[in-house]
C-alpha atoms as a PDB file:
ATOM      1  CA  MET A   1       0.000   0.000   0.000  1.00  0.00           C
ATOM      2  CA  GLY A   2       1.388   3.298  -1.010  1.00  0.00           C
ATOM      3  CA  ASN A   3      -0.308   5.517   1.543  1.00  0.00           C
ATOM      4  CA  LYS A   4       0.860   6.151   5.074  1.00  0.00           C
ATOM      5  CA  PRO A   5      -1.469   4.689   7.726  1.00  0.00           C
ATOM      6  CA  GLU A   6      -2.324   8.115   9.080  1.00  0.00           C
ATOM      7  CA  ASP A   7      -3.502   9.174   5.609  1.00  0.00           C
ATOM      8  CA  PHE A   8      -6.124   6.436   5.453  1.00  0.00           C
ATOM      9  CA  PHE A   9      -8.675   7.915   7.798  1.00  0.00           C
ATOM     10  CA  SER A  10      -8.047  11.617   7.465  1.00  0.00           C
ATOM     11  CA  GLY A  11      -9.162  14.010   4.811  1.00  0.00           C
ATOM     12  CA  SER A  12     -11.844  14.119   2.203  1.00  0.00           C
ATOM     13  CA  ALA A  13     -10.512  11.202   0.131  1.00  0.00           C
ATOM     14  CA  SER A  14     -11.001   8.786   3.012  1.00  0.00           C
ATOM     15  CA  GLU A  15     -14.405  10.241   3.778  1.00  0.00           C
ATOM     16  CA  GLN A  16     -15.437   9.820   0.144  1.00  0.00           C
ATOM     17  CA  ALA A  17     -14.244   6.211   0.180  1.00  0.00           C
ATOM     18  CA  LEU A  18     -16.189   5.544   3.383  1.00  0.00           C
ATOM     19  CA  PHE A  19     -19.369   7.055   1.935  1.00  0.00           C
ATOM     20  CA  ASP A  20     -18.943   4.980  -1.224  1.00  0.00           C
ATOM     21  CA  VAL A  21     -18.523   1.783   0.824  1.00  0.00           C
ATOM     22  CA  LEU A  22     -21.511   2.563   3.036  1.00  0.00           C
ATOM     23  CA  ASP A  23     -23.706   3.378   0.031  1.00  0.00           C
ATOM     24  CA  ALA A  24     -22.635   0.302  -1.917  1.00  0.00           C
ATOM     25  CA  LEU A  25     -23.077  -2.094   1.005  1.00  0.00           C
ATOM     26  CA  GLU A  26     -26.288  -0.617   2.390  1.00  0.00           C
ATOM     27  CA  ARG A  27     -28.332  -3.679   1.371  1.00  0.00           C
ATOM     28  CA  ALA A  28     -25.525  -6.235   1.537  1.00  0.00           C
ATOM     29  CA  SER A  29     -25.261  -9.101   3.975  1.00  0.00           C
ATOM     30  CA  VAL A  30     -22.379 -11.333   5.004  1.00  0.00           C
ATOM     31  CA  ASP A  31     -21.574 -15.037   4.946  1.00  0.00           C
ATOM     32  CA  PRO A  32     -18.648 -15.250   7.372  1.00  0.00           C
ATOM     33  CA  ARG A  33     -18.220 -19.026   6.933  1.00  0.00           C
ATOM     34  CA  GLU A  34     -17.636 -18.613   3.211  1.00  0.00           C
ATOM     35  CA  GLN A  35     -15.918 -15.236   3.759  1.00  0.00           C
ATOM     36  CA  ARG A  36     -18.158 -13.522   1.240  1.00  0.00           C
ATOM     37  CA  ILE A  37     -20.084 -10.288   1.116  1.00  0.00           C
ATOM     38  CA  LEU A  38     -23.500 -10.972  -0.378  1.00  0.00           C
ATOM     39  CA  TRP A  39     -24.623  -8.142  -2.604  1.00  0.00           C
ATOM     40  CA  ALA A  40     -28.274  -7.298  -3.204  1.00  0.00           C
ATOM     41  CA  ASP A  41     -27.839  -8.275  -6.883  1.00  0.00           C
ATOM     42  CA  GLY A  42     -26.844 -11.813  -5.881  1.00  0.00           C
ATOM     43  CA  ALA A  43     -23.081 -11.459  -6.221  1.00  0.00           C
ATOM     44  CA  HIS A  44     -21.004 -13.213  -3.549  1.00  0.00           C
ATOM     45  CA  LEU A  45     -17.680 -11.381  -3.411  1.00  0.00           C
ATOM     46  CA  SER A  46     -14.494 -11.468  -1.368  1.00  0.00           C
ATOM     47  CA  ILE A  47     -13.233  -8.374   0.422  1.00  0.00           C
ATOM     48  CA  GLU A  48     -10.847  -7.678  -2.454  1.00  0.00           C
ATOM     49  CA  ASP A  49     -13.498  -8.104  -5.141  1.00  0.00           C
ATOM     50  CA  THR A  50     -15.963  -5.982  -3.174  1.00  0.00           C
ATOM     51  CA  ALA A  51     -13.409  -3.182  -2.849  1.00  0.00           C
ATOM     52  CA  ARG A  52     -12.576  -3.423  -6.550  1.00  0.00           C
ATOM     53  CA  ARG A  53     -16.257  -3.285  -7.515  1.00  0.00           C
ATOM     54  CA  ILE A  54     -16.893  -0.228  -5.338  1.00  0.00           C
ATOM     55  CA  HIS A  55     -13.736   1.510  -6.533  1.00  0.00           C
ATOM     56  CA  GLU A  56     -14.554   0.912 -10.195  1.00  0.00           C
ATOM     57  CA  ALA A  57     -18.196   1.962  -9.829  1.00  0.00           C
ATOM     58  CA  SER A  58     -17.447   5.214  -8.025  1.00  0.00           C
ATOM     59  CA  GLN A  59     -15.425   8.260  -8.832  1.00  0.00           C
ATOM     60  CA  ASP A  60     -12.781   7.187  -6.336  1.00  0.00           C
ATOM     61  CA  ALA A  61     -10.022   6.643  -8.869  1.00  0.00           C
ATOM     62  CA  GLN A  62     -10.479  10.159 -10.252  1.00  0.00           C
ATOM     63  CA  SER A  63     -10.658  11.748  -6.788  1.00  0.00           C
ATOM     64  CA  GLY A  64      -7.391  10.272  -5.536  1.00  0.00           C
ATOM     65  CA  VAL A  65      -8.933   7.476  -3.478  1.00  0.00           C
ATOM     66  CA  SER A  66      -6.844   4.338  -3.705  1.00  0.00           C
ATOM     67  CA  LEU A  67      -8.190   0.832  -4.004  1.00  0.00           C
ATOM     68  CA  ASP A  68      -6.359   0.052  -0.745  1.00  0.00           C
ATOM     69  CA  MET A  69      -8.294   2.792   1.038  1.00  0.00           C
ATOM     70  CA  VAL A  70     -11.608   1.417  -0.224  1.00  0.00           C
ATOM     71  CA  GLN A  71     -10.557  -2.072   0.867  1.00  0.00           C
ATOM     72  CA  SER A  72      -9.656  -0.761   4.321  1.00  0.00           C
ATOM     73  CA  HIS A  73     -13.134   0.725   4.667  1.00  0.00           C
ATOM     74  CA  VAL A  74     -14.735  -2.557   3.524  1.00  0.00           C
ATOM     75  CA  VAL A  75     -12.819  -4.344   6.298  1.00  0.00           C
ATOM     76  CA  GLY A  76     -13.938  -1.658   8.738  1.00  0.00           C
ATOM     77  CA  TRP A  77     -17.544  -2.132   7.612  1.00  0.00           C
ATOM     78  CA  LEU A  78     -17.257  -5.849   8.381  1.00  0.00           C
ATOM     79  CA  GLU A  79     -15.600  -5.259  11.732  1.00  0.00           C
ATOM     80  CA  VAL A  80     -17.646  -2.364  13.086  1.00  0.00           C
ATOM     81  CA  ILE A  81     -20.685  -1.441  11.027  1.00  0.00           C
ATOM     82  CA  TYR A  82     -22.366  -4.561   9.682  1.00  0.00           C
ATOM     83  CA  GLU A  83     -24.713  -6.165  12.176  1.00  0.00           C
ATOM     84  CA  PRO A  84     -26.694  -9.272  11.250  1.00  0.00           C
ATOM     85  CA  GLU A  85     -30.305  -9.486  12.351  1.00  0.00           C
ATOM     86  CA  GLY A  86     -31.986 -12.264  14.267  1.00  0.00           C
ATOM     87  CA  LEU A  87     -28.992 -13.817  15.993  1.00  0.00           C
ATOM     88  CA  ASP A  88     -29.079 -14.873  19.618  1.00  0.00           C
ATOM     89  CA  GLU A  89     -26.091 -14.186  21.862  1.00  0.00           C
ATOM     90  CA  ALA A  90     -24.270 -17.446  21.068  1.00  0.00           C
ATOM     91  CA  GLN A  91     -24.819 -17.033  17.325  1.00  0.00           C
ATOM     92  CA  MET A  92     -23.572 -13.428  17.495  1.00  0.00           C
ATOM     93  CA  GLU A  93     -20.431 -14.548  19.317  1.00  0.00           C
ATOM     94  CA  GLU A  94     -19.782 -17.137  16.598  1.00  0.00           C
ATOM     95  CA  PHE A  95     -20.463 -14.551  13.895  1.00  0.00           C
ATOM     96  CA  GLU A  96     -17.974 -12.142  15.480  1.00  0.00           C
ATOM     97  CA  ARG A  97     -15.384 -14.910  15.854  1.00  0.00           C
ATOM     98  CA  LEU A  98     -15.681 -15.769  12.156  1.00  0.00           C
ATOM     99  CA  ILE A  99     -15.463 -12.112  11.149  1.00  0.00           C
ATOM    100  CA  ASP A 100     -12.309 -11.725  13.266  1.00  0.00           C
ATOM    101  CA  LEU A 101     -10.745 -14.744  11.551  1.00  0.00           C
ATOM    102  CA  TRP A 102     -11.683 -13.325   8.152  1.00  0.00           C
ATOM    103  CA  ILE A 103     -10.291  -9.830   8.694  1.00  0.00           C
ATOM    104  CA  THR A 104      -7.166 -10.731  10.685  1.00  0.00           C
ATOM    105  CA  PRO A 105      -4.968 -10.966   7.558  1.00  0.00           C
ATOM    106  CA  TYR A 106      -5.928  -7.365   6.767  1.00  0.00           C
ATOM    107  CA  ASP A 107      -4.914  -5.947  10.164  1.00  0.00           C
ATOM    108  CA  ASP A 108      -1.360  -5.179   9.059  1.00  0.00           C
ATOM    109  CA  ALA A 109      -2.642  -3.422   5.958  1.00  0.00           C
ATOM    110  CA  ARG A 110      -4.832  -0.983   7.884  1.00  0.00           C
END
């Protein structure tokens, strides 16, 4: 990744990337066992493919937002923002455990 870590979450480029991720994933769900983000159109994509799809569909490339920044916000969405519905406490703990396993390889990149 070419950007410094402190550049990822400061400034308008990062904000734009975050808004793009939130807009794109508004109706998405997650399959943590398969490590896939399930898009409303039926696509089942990895973190990398999700970031690529969002980056290509938005104006991020023209506004100086890197693919790595978009990917970092996708990981953040999985870790902090996405919340599945209808899970009891034990199921939620398992969901969170699986998400942690999925995003751990990305920790060094963020």
